[in-house]
Amino acid sequence: MIELKERKPYWRHTKVQMLISLVPFLAAMVTFVLFAEELNVRRFLGFPLGYFLVAPGFLLLGLVTVAVFVNRQDAVDRWHGAHEDL
């Protein structure tokens, strides 16, 4: 259990970690939409390049984002003494 005086810094670190984890995903979402027309001119494996980057790309980027967040959040939990060992 986390001590009362450690709760505010813990949640501050958790919020910052969440925002830092979301920035690359949101930046990629905006970038892919802005350059979709230019990317669709080329083809890759029979699909327009814009579609190929967006469809599996967002899935992969989402998985990486979640994995990095979980790893970093585990470090924050351990730092503040809120980790749970299985």
PDB file of N, CA and C in Angstrom:
ATOM      1  N   MET A   1       0.839  -1.179   0.000  1.00  0.00           N
ATOM      2  CA  MET A   1       0.000   0.000   0.000  1.00  0.00           C
ATOM      3  C   MET A   1       0.882   1.240   0.000  1.00  0.00           C
ATOM      4  N   ILE A   2       0.508   2.191  -0.791  1.00  0.00           N
ATOM      5  CA  ILE A   2       1.277   3.424  -0.892  1.00  0.00           C
ATOM      6  C   ILE A   2       0.909   4.358   0.269  1.00  0.00           C
ATOM      7  N   GLU A   3       1.918   5.013   0.813  1.00  0.00           N
ATOM      8  CA  GLU A   3       1.688   5.905   1.947  1.00  0.00           C
ATOM      9  C   GLU A   3       0.969   7.163   1.492  1.00  0.00           C
ATOM     10  N   LEU A   4       0.279   7.797   2.415  1.00  0.00           N
ATOM     11  CA  LEU A   4      -0.545   8.959   2.104  1.00  0.00           C
ATOM     12  C   LEU A   4       0.285  10.106   1.525  1.00  0.00           C
ATOM     13  N   LYS A   5       1.486  10.340   2.059  1.00  0.00           N
ATOM     14  CA  LYS A   5       2.300  11.459   1.564  1.00  0.00           C
ATOM     15  C   LYS A   5       2.886  11.183   0.179  1.00  0.00           C
ATOM     16  N   GLU A   6       2.913   9.918  -0.237  1.00  0.00           N
ATOM     17  CA  GLU A   6       3.446   9.563  -1.556  1.00  0.00           C
ATOM     18  C   GLU A   6       2.390   9.522  -2.651  1.00  0.00           C
ATOM     19  N   ARG A   7       1.125   9.661  -2.305  1.00  0.00           N
ATOM     20  CA  ARG A   7       0.071   9.527  -3.313  1.00  0.00           C
ATOM     21  C   ARG A   7       0.094  10.641  -4.343  1.00  0.00           C
ATOM     22  N   LYS A   8       0.279  11.880  -3.910  1.00  0.00           N
ATOM     23  CA  LYS A   8       0.273  12.998  -4.853  1.00  0.00           C
ATOM     24  C   LYS A   8       1.430  12.898  -5.856  1.00  0.00           C
ATOM     25  N   PRO A   9       2.662  12.677  -5.419  1.00  0.00           N
ATOM     26  CA  PRO A   9       3.747  12.511  -6.402  1.00  0.00           C
ATOM     27  C   PRO A   9       3.554  11.283  -7.291  1.00  0.00           C
ATOM     28  N   TYR A  10       2.993  10.225  -6.743  1.00  0.00           N
ATOM     29  CA  TYR A  10       2.748   9.013  -7.526  1.00  0.00           C
ATOM     30  C   TYR A  10       1.789   9.301  -8.676  1.00  0.00           C
ATOM     31  N   TRP A  11       0.670   9.956  -8.366  1.00  0.00           N
ATOM     32  CA  TRP A  11      -0.307  10.239  -9.413  1.00  0.00           C
ATOM     33  C   TRP A  11       0.203  11.283 -10.384  1.00  0.00           C
ATOM     34  N   ARG A  12       1.038  12.210  -9.927  1.00  0.00           N
ATOM     35  CA  ARG A  12       1.653  13.177 -10.836  1.00  0.00           C
ATOM     36  C   ARG A  12       2.560  12.457 -11.828  1.00  0.00           C
ATOM     37  N   HIS A  13       3.379  11.534 -11.351  1.00  0.00           N
ATOM     38  CA  HIS A  13       4.253  10.763 -12.238  1.00  0.00           C
ATOM     39  C   HIS A  13       3.445   9.889 -13.196  1.00  0.00           C
ATOM     40  N   THR A  14       2.347   9.330 -12.697  1.00  0.00           N
ATOM     41  CA  THR A  14       1.499   8.498 -13.549  1.00  0.00           C
ATOM     42  C   THR A  14       0.863   9.327 -14.663  1.00  0.00           C
ATOM     43  N   LYS A  15       0.367  10.515 -14.344  1.00  0.00           N
ATOM     44  CA  LYS A  15      -0.232  11.385 -15.362  1.00  0.00           C
ATOM     45  C   LYS A  15       0.794  11.813 -16.401  1.00  0.00           C
ATOM     46  N   VAL A  16       1.975  12.193 -15.951  1.00  0.00           N
ATOM     47  CA  VAL A  16       3.033  12.595 -16.886  1.00  0.00           C
ATOM     48  C   VAL A  16       3.414  11.426 -17.778  1.00  0.00           C
ATOM     49  N   GLN A  17       3.521  10.253 -17.209  1.00  0.00           N
ATOM     50  CA  GLN A  17       3.871   9.064 -17.987  1.00  0.00           C
ATOM     51  C   GLN A  17       2.824   8.774 -19.043  1.00  0.00           C
ATOM     52  N   MET A  18       1.554   8.928 -18.704  1.00  0.00           N
ATOM     53  CA  MET A  18       0.467   8.696 -19.663  1.00  0.00           C
ATOM     54  C   MET A  18       0.533   9.698 -20.808  1.00  0.00           C
ATOM     55  N   LEU A  19       0.748  10.960 -20.494  1.00  0.00           N
ATOM     56  CA  LEU A  19       0.828  11.980 -21.544  1.00  0.00           C
ATOM     57  C   LEU A  19       2.036  11.751 -22.450  1.00  0.00           C
ATOM     58  N   ILE A  20       3.162  11.398 -21.866  1.00  0.00           N
ATOM     59  CA  ILE A  20       4.363  11.131 -22.662  1.00  0.00           C
ATOM     60  C   ILE A  20       4.145   9.919 -23.562  1.00  0.00           C
ATOM     61  N   SER A  21       3.417   8.938 -23.088  1.00  0.00           N
ATOM     62  CA  SER A  21       3.161   7.742 -23.889  1.00  0.00           C
ATOM     63  C   SER A  21       2.195   8.017 -25.037  1.00  0.00           C
ATOM     64  N   LEU A  22       1.279   8.947 -24.862  1.00  0.00           N
ATOM     65  CA  LEU A  22       0.294   9.231 -25.898  1.00  0.00           C
ATOM     66  C   LEU A  22       0.816  10.142 -27.003  1.00  0.00           C
ATOM     67  N   VAL A  23       1.830  10.951 -26.731  1.00  0.00           N
ATOM     68  CA  VAL A  23       2.324  11.918 -27.715  1.00  0.00           C
ATOM     69  C   VAL A  23       2.775  11.258 -29.023  1.00  0.00           C
ATOM     70  N   PRO A  24       3.599  10.202 -29.023  1.00  0.00           N
ATOM     71  CA  PRO A  24       3.991   9.607 -30.308  1.00  0.00           C
ATOM     72  C   PRO A  24       2.813   9.038 -31.088  1.00  0.00           C
ATOM     73  N   PHE A  25       1.853   8.442 -30.395  1.00  0.00           N
ATOM     74  CA  PHE A  25       0.695   7.878 -31.069  1.00  0.00           C
ATOM     75  C   PHE A  25      -0.142   8.977 -31.719  1.00  0.00           C
ATOM     76  N   LEU A  26      -0.385  10.057 -31.003  1.00  0.00           N
ATOM     77  CA  LEU A  26      -1.166  11.162 -31.554  1.00  0.00           C
ATOM     78  C   LEU A  26      -0.417  11.858 -32.687  1.00  0.00           C
ATOM     79  N   ALA A  27       0.887  12.006 -32.558  1.00  0.00           N
ATOM     80  CA  ALA A  27       1.683  12.620 -33.624  1.00  0.00           C
ATOM     81  C   ALA A  27       1.644  11.773 -34.889  1.00  0.00           C
ATOM     82  N   ALA A  28       1.728  10.471 -34.744  1.00  0.00           N
ATOM     83  CA  ALA A  28       1.658   9.582 -35.906  1.00  0.00           C
ATOM     84  C   ALA A  28       0.280   9.637 -36.539  1.00  0.00           C
ATOM     85  N   MET A  29      -0.757   9.731 -35.730  1.00  0.00           N
ATOM     86  CA  MET A  29      -2.108   9.791 -36.267  1.00  0.00           C
ATOM     87  C   MET A  29      -2.284  11.048 -37.122  1.00  0.00           C
ATOM     88  N   VAL A  30      -1.807  12.167 -36.657  1.00  0.00           N
ATOM     89  CA  VAL A  30      -1.908  13.413 -37.422  1.00  0.00           C
ATOM     90  C   VAL A  30      -1.034  13.352 -38.665  1.00  0.00           C
ATOM     91  N   THR A  31       0.176  12.824 -38.537  1.00  0.00           N
ATOM     92  CA  THR A  31       1.104  12.764 -39.665  1.00  0.00           C
ATOM     93  C   THR A  31       0.592  11.846 -40.768  1.00  0.00           C
ATOM     94  N   PHE A  32       0.082  10.688 -40.412  1.00  0.00           N
ATOM     95  CA  PHE A  32      -0.433   9.762 -41.425  1.00  0.00           C
ATOM     96  C   PHE A  32      -1.605  10.368 -42.187  1.00  0.00           C
ATOM     97  N   VAL A  33      -2.475  11.079 -41.489  1.00  0.00           N
ATOM     98  CA  VAL A  33      -3.620  11.690 -42.157  1.00  0.00           C
ATOM     99  C   VAL A  33      -3.168  12.813 -43.090  1.00  0.00           C
ATOM    100  N   LEU A  34      -2.200  13.605 -42.653  1.00  0.00           N
ATOM    101  CA  LEU A  34      -1.732  14.716 -43.479  1.00  0.00           C
ATOM    102  C   LEU A  34      -1.048  14.250 -44.762  1.00  0.00           C
ATOM    103  N   PHE A  35      -0.336  13.136 -44.713  1.00  0.00           N
ATOM    104  CA  PHE A  35       0.428  12.675 -45.864  1.00  0.00           C
ATOM    105  C   PHE A  35      -0.199  11.478 -46.566  1.00  0.00           C
ATOM    106  N   ALA A  36      -1.463  11.188 -46.312  1.00  0.00           N
ATOM    107  CA  ALA A  36      -2.120  10.009 -46.904  1.00  0.00           C
ATOM    108  C   ALA A  36      -2.188  10.105 -48.419  1.00  0.00           C
ATOM    109  N   GLU A  37      -2.529  11.250 -48.958  1.00  0.00           N
ATOM    110  CA  GLU A  37      -2.636  11.400 -50.412  1.00  0.00           C
ATOM    111  C   GLU A  37      -1.301  11.149 -51.100  1.00  0.00           C
ATOM    112  N   GLU A  38      -0.230  11.713 -50.570  1.00  0.00           N
ATOM    113  CA  GLU A  38       1.098  11.527 -51.160  1.00  0.00           C
ATOM    114  C   GLU A  38       1.559  10.078 -51.038  1.00  0.00           C
ATOM    115  N   LEU A  39       1.223   9.431 -49.936  1.00  0.00           N
ATOM    116  CA  LEU A  39       1.640   8.049 -49.726  1.00  0.00           C
ATOM    117  C   LEU A  39       0.847   7.076 -50.594  1.00  0.00           C
ATOM    118  N   ASN A  40      -0.402   7.388 -50.907  1.00  0.00           N
ATOM    119  CA  ASN A  40      -1.238   6.486 -51.688  1.00  0.00           C
ATOM    120  C   ASN A  40      -0.822   6.417 -53.156  1.00  0.00           C
ATOM    121  N   VAL A  41       0.040   7.305 -53.597  1.00  0.00           N
ATOM    122  CA  VAL A  41       0.532   7.263 -54.978  1.00  0.00           C
ATOM    123  C   VAL A  41       1.372   6.005 -55.193  1.00  0.00           C
ATOM    124  N   ARG A  42       2.135   5.615 -54.188  1.00  0.00           N
ATOM    125  CA  ARG A  42       2.978   4.412 -54.279  1.00  0.00           C
ATOM    126  C   ARG A  42       2.221   3.213 -53.733  1.00  0.00           C
ATOM    127  N   ARG A  43       2.628   2.028 -54.185  1.00  0.00           N
ATOM    128  CA  ARG A  43       1.991   0.794 -53.729  1.00  0.00           C
ATOM    129  C   ARG A  43       3.036  -0.107 -53.069  1.00  0.00           C
ATOM    130  N   PHE A  44       2.582  -0.878 -52.076  1.00  0.00           N
ATOM    131  CA  PHE A  44       3.443  -1.822 -51.378  1.00  0.00           C
ATOM    132  C   PHE A  44       2.639  -3.088 -51.140  1.00  0.00           C
ATOM    133  N   LEU A  45       3.108  -4.207 -51.650  1.00  0.00           N
ATOM    134  CA  LEU A  45       2.424  -5.494 -51.571  1.00  0.00           C
ATOM    135  C   LEU A  45       1.002  -5.424 -52.138  1.00  0.00           C
ATOM    136  N   GLY A  46       0.820  -4.612 -53.161  1.00  0.00           N
ATOM    137  CA  GLY A  46      -0.467  -4.492 -53.814  1.00  0.00           C
ATOM    138  C   GLY A  46      -1.429  -3.518 -53.159  1.00  0.00           C
ATOM    139  N   PHE A  47      -1.058  -2.940 -52.044  1.00  0.00           N
ATOM    140  CA  PHE A  47      -1.909  -1.976 -51.348  1.00  0.00           C
ATOM    141  C   PHE A  47      -1.320  -0.582 -51.489  1.00  0.00           C
ATOM    142  N   PRO A  48      -2.163   0.452 -51.478  1.00  0.00           N
ATOM    143  CA  PRO A  48      -1.619   1.810 -51.441  1.00  0.00           C
ATOM    144  C   PRO A  48      -0.768   1.979 -50.177  1.00  0.00           C
ATOM    145  N   LEU A  49       0.347   2.673 -50.312  1.00  0.00           N
ATOM    146  CA  LEU A  49       1.290   2.787 -49.197  1.00  0.00           C
ATOM    147  C   LEU A  49       0.648   3.459 -47.984  1.00  0.00           C
ATOM    148  N   GLY A  50      -0.218   4.451 -48.216  1.00  0.00           N
ATOM    149  CA  GLY A  50      -0.890   5.113 -47.096  1.00  0.00           C
ATOM    150  C   GLY A  50      -1.730   4.137 -46.297  1.00  0.00           C
ATOM    151  N   TYR A  51      -2.482   3.285 -46.984  1.00  0.00           N
ATOM    152  CA  TYR A  51      -3.292   2.269 -46.299  1.00  0.00           C
ATOM    153  C   TYR A  51      -2.393   1.279 -45.573  1.00  0.00           C
ATOM    154  N   PHE A  52      -1.318   0.867 -46.244  1.00  0.00           N
ATOM    155  CA  PHE A  52      -0.425  -0.124 -45.640  1.00  0.00           C
ATOM    156  C   PHE A  52       0.223   0.412 -44.371  1.00  0.00           C
ATOM    157  N   LEU A  53       0.574   1.692 -44.346  1.00  0.00           N
ATOM    158  CA  LEU A  53       1.174   2.267 -43.146  1.00  0.00           C
ATOM    159  C   LEU A  53       0.144   2.478 -42.038  1.00  0.00           C
ATOM    160  N   VAL A  54      -1.057   2.870 -42.419  1.00  0.00           N
ATOM    161  CA  VAL A  54      -2.049   3.199 -41.401  1.00  0.00           C
ATOM    162  C   VAL A  54      -2.657   1.950 -40.768  1.00  0.00           C
ATOM    163  N   ALA A  55      -3.100   0.998 -41.565  1.00  0.00           N
ATOM    164  CA  ALA A  55      -3.816  -0.154 -41.017  1.00  0.00           C
ATOM    165  C   ALA A  55      -2.951  -0.977 -40.061  1.00  0.00           C
ATOM    166  N   PRO A  56      -1.889  -1.615 -40.533  1.00  0.00           N
ATOM    167  CA  PRO A  56      -1.077  -2.369 -39.572  1.00  0.00           C
ATOM    168  C   PRO A  56      -0.165  -1.467 -38.747  1.00  0.00           C
ATOM    169  N   GLY A  57       0.142  -0.286 -39.288  1.00  0.00           N
ATOM    170  CA  GLY A  57       1.042   0.626 -38.579  1.00  0.00           C
ATOM    171  C   GLY A  57       0.461   1.116 -37.275  1.00  0.00           C
ATOM    172  N   PHE A  58      -0.828   1.494 -37.295  1.00  0.00           N
ATOM    173  CA  PHE A  58      -1.466   1.942 -36.053  1.00  0.00           C
ATOM    174  C   PHE A  58      -1.568   0.809 -35.041  1.00  0.00           C
ATOM    175  N   LEU A  59      -1.847  -0.373 -35.515  1.00  0.00           N
ATOM    176  CA  LEU A  59      -1.921  -1.520 -34.610  1.00  0.00           C
ATOM    177  C   LEU A  59      -0.564  -1.760 -33.944  1.00  0.00           C
ATOM    178  N   LEU A  60       0.483  -1.777 -34.747  1.00  0.00           N
ATOM    179  CA  LEU A  60       1.829  -1.976 -34.206  1.00  0.00           C
ATOM    180  C   LEU A  60       2.232  -0.838 -33.283  1.00  0.00           C
ATOM    181  N   LEU A  61       1.962   0.390 -33.703  1.00  0.00           N
ATOM    182  CA  LEU A  61       2.296   1.541 -32.865  1.00  0.00           C
ATOM    183  C   LEU A  61       1.512   1.513 -31.551  1.00  0.00           C
ATOM    184  N   GLY A  62       0.252   1.102 -31.606  1.00  0.00           N
ATOM    185  CA  GLY A  62      -0.541   0.992 -30.382  1.00  0.00           C
ATOM    186  C   GLY A  62       0.009  -0.060 -29.434  1.00  0.00           C
ATOM    187  N   LEU A  63       0.401  -1.197 -29.977  1.00  0.00           N
ATOM    188  CA  LEU A  63       0.979  -2.257 -29.139  1.00  0.00           C
ATOM    189  C   LEU A  63       2.293  -1.814 -28.504  1.00  0.00           C
ATOM    190  N   VAL A  64       3.129  -1.149 -29.275  1.00  0.00           N
ATOM    191  CA  VAL A  64       4.404  -0.652 -28.743  1.00  0.00           C
ATOM    192  C   VAL A  64       4.149   0.413 -27.679  1.00  0.00           C
ATOM    193  N   THR A  65       3.186   1.292 -27.936  1.00  0.00           N
ATOM    194  CA  THR A  65       2.861   2.344 -26.971  1.00  0.00           C
ATOM    195  C   THR A  65       2.394   1.741 -25.647  1.00  0.00           C
ATOM    196  N   VAL A  66       1.528   0.754 -25.715  1.00  0.00           N
ATOM    197  CA  VAL A  66       1.025   0.112 -24.493  1.00  0.00           C
ATOM    198  C   VAL A  66       2.152  -0.622 -23.767  1.00  0.00           C
ATOM    199  N   ALA A  67       3.008  -1.319 -24.517  1.00  0.00           N
ATOM    200  CA  ALA A  67       4.109  -2.053 -23.895  1.00  0.00           C
ATOM    201  C   ALA A  67       5.081  -1.107 -23.194  1.00  0.00           C
ATOM    202  N   VAL A  68       5.405  -0.002 -23.837  1.00  0.00           N
ATOM    203  CA  VAL A  68       6.319   0.974 -23.223  1.00  0.00           C
ATOM    204  C   VAL A  68       5.669   1.598 -21.997  1.00  0.00           C
ATOM    205  N   PHE A  69       4.380   1.927 -22.094  1.00  0.00           N
ATOM    206  CA  PHE A  69       3.690   2.516 -20.950  1.00  0.00           C
ATOM    207  C   PHE A  69       3.681   1.560 -19.760  1.00  0.00           C
ATOM    208  N   VAL A  70       3.370   0.301 -20.012  1.00  0.00           N
ATOM    209  CA  VAL A  70       3.325  -0.680 -18.918  1.00  0.00           C
ATOM    210  C   VAL A  70       4.695  -0.831 -18.274  1.00  0.00           C
ATOM    211  N   ASN A  71       5.734  -0.867 -19.096  1.00  0.00           N
ATOM    212  CA  ASN A  71       7.092  -0.989 -18.574  1.00  0.00           C
ATOM    213  C   ASN A  71       7.469   0.227 -17.722  1.00  0.00           C
ATOM    214  N   ARG A  72       7.193   1.425 -18.233  1.00  0.00           N
ATOM    215  CA  ARG A  72       7.525   2.638 -17.488  1.00  0.00           C
ATOM    216  C   ARG A  72       6.650   2.791 -16.243  1.00  0.00           C
ATOM    217  N   GLN A  73       5.371   2.407 -16.341  1.00  0.00           N
ATOM    218  CA  GLN A  73       4.491   2.508 -15.178  1.00  0.00           C
ATOM    219  C   GLN A  73       4.932   1.542 -14.080  1.00  0.00           C
ATOM    220  N   ASP A  74       5.433   0.390 -14.475  1.00  0.00           N
ATOM    221  CA  ASP A  74       5.972  -0.550 -13.488  1.00  0.00           C
ATOM    222  C   ASP A  74       7.150   0.077 -12.749  1.00  0.00           C
ATOM    223  N   ALA A  75       7.994   0.817 -13.485  1.00  0.00           N
ATOM    224  CA  ALA A  75       9.125   1.499 -12.849  1.00  0.00           C
ATOM    225  C   ALA A  75       8.623   2.581 -11.880  1.00  0.00           C
ATOM    226  N   VAL A  76       7.590   3.326 -12.270  1.00  0.00           N
ATOM    227  CA  VAL A  76       7.013   4.347 -11.381  1.00  0.00           C
ATOM    228  C   VAL A  76       6.418   3.679 -10.142  1.00  0.00           C
ATOM    229  N   ASP A  77       5.729   2.569 -10.328  1.00  0.00           N
ATOM    230  CA  ASP A  77       5.154   1.847  -9.190  1.00  0.00           C
ATOM    231  C   ASP A  77       6.235   1.385  -8.224  1.00  0.00           C
ATOM    232  N   ARG A  78       7.297   0.842  -8.749  1.00  0.00           N
ATOM    233  CA  ARG A  78       8.391   0.376  -7.884  1.00  0.00           C
ATOM    234  C   ARG A  78       9.054   1.546  -7.165  1.00  0.00           C
ATOM    235  N   TRP A  79       9.214   2.668  -7.869  1.00  0.00           N
ATOM    236  CA  TRP A  79       9.862   3.847  -7.278  1.00  0.00           C
ATOM    237  C   TRP A  79       9.068   4.368  -6.081  1.00  0.00           C
ATOM    238  N   HIS A  80       7.743   4.334  -6.183  1.00  0.00           N
ATOM    239  CA  HIS A  80       6.889   4.859  -5.120  1.00  0.00           C
ATOM    240  C   HIS A  80       6.411   3.776  -4.151  1.00  0.00           C
ATOM    241  N   GLY A  81       6.822   2.553  -4.350  1.00  0.00           N
ATOM    242  CA  GLY A  81       6.449   1.490  -3.430  1.00  0.00           C
ATOM    243  C   GLY A  81       5.028   0.993  -3.613  1.00  0.00           C
ATOM    244  N   ALA A  82       4.491   1.124  -4.818  1.00  0.00           N
ATOM    245  CA  ALA A  82       3.110   0.700  -5.067  1.00  0.00           C
ATOM    246  C   ALA A  82       3.055  -0.530  -5.961  1.00  0.00           C
ATOM    247  N   HIS A  83       4.171  -1.215  -6.149  1.00  0.00           N
ATOM    248  CA  HIS A  83       4.195  -2.359  -7.060  1.00  0.00           C
ATOM    249  C   HIS A  83       3.568  -3.578  -6.387  1.00  0.00           C
ATOM    250  N   GLU A  84       3.090  -4.474  -7.270  1.00  0.00           N
ATOM    251  CA  GLU A  84       2.513  -5.723  -6.798  1.00  0.00           C
ATOM    252  C   GLU A  84       3.292  -6.869  -7.418  1.00  0.00           C
ATOM    253  N   ASP A  85       3.861  -7.681  -6.597  1.00  0.00           N
ATOM    254  CA  ASP A  85       4.568  -8.852  -7.105  1.00  0.00           C
ATOM    255  C   ASP A  85       3.617 -10.017  -7.164  1.00  0.00           C
ATOM    256  N   LEU A  86       3.679 -10.734  -8.278  1.00  0.00           N
ATOM    257  CA  LEU A  86       2.806 -11.899  -8.431  1.00  0.00           C
ATOM    258  C   LEU A  86       3.447 -13.140  -7.874  1.00  0.00           C
TER     259      LEU A  86
END
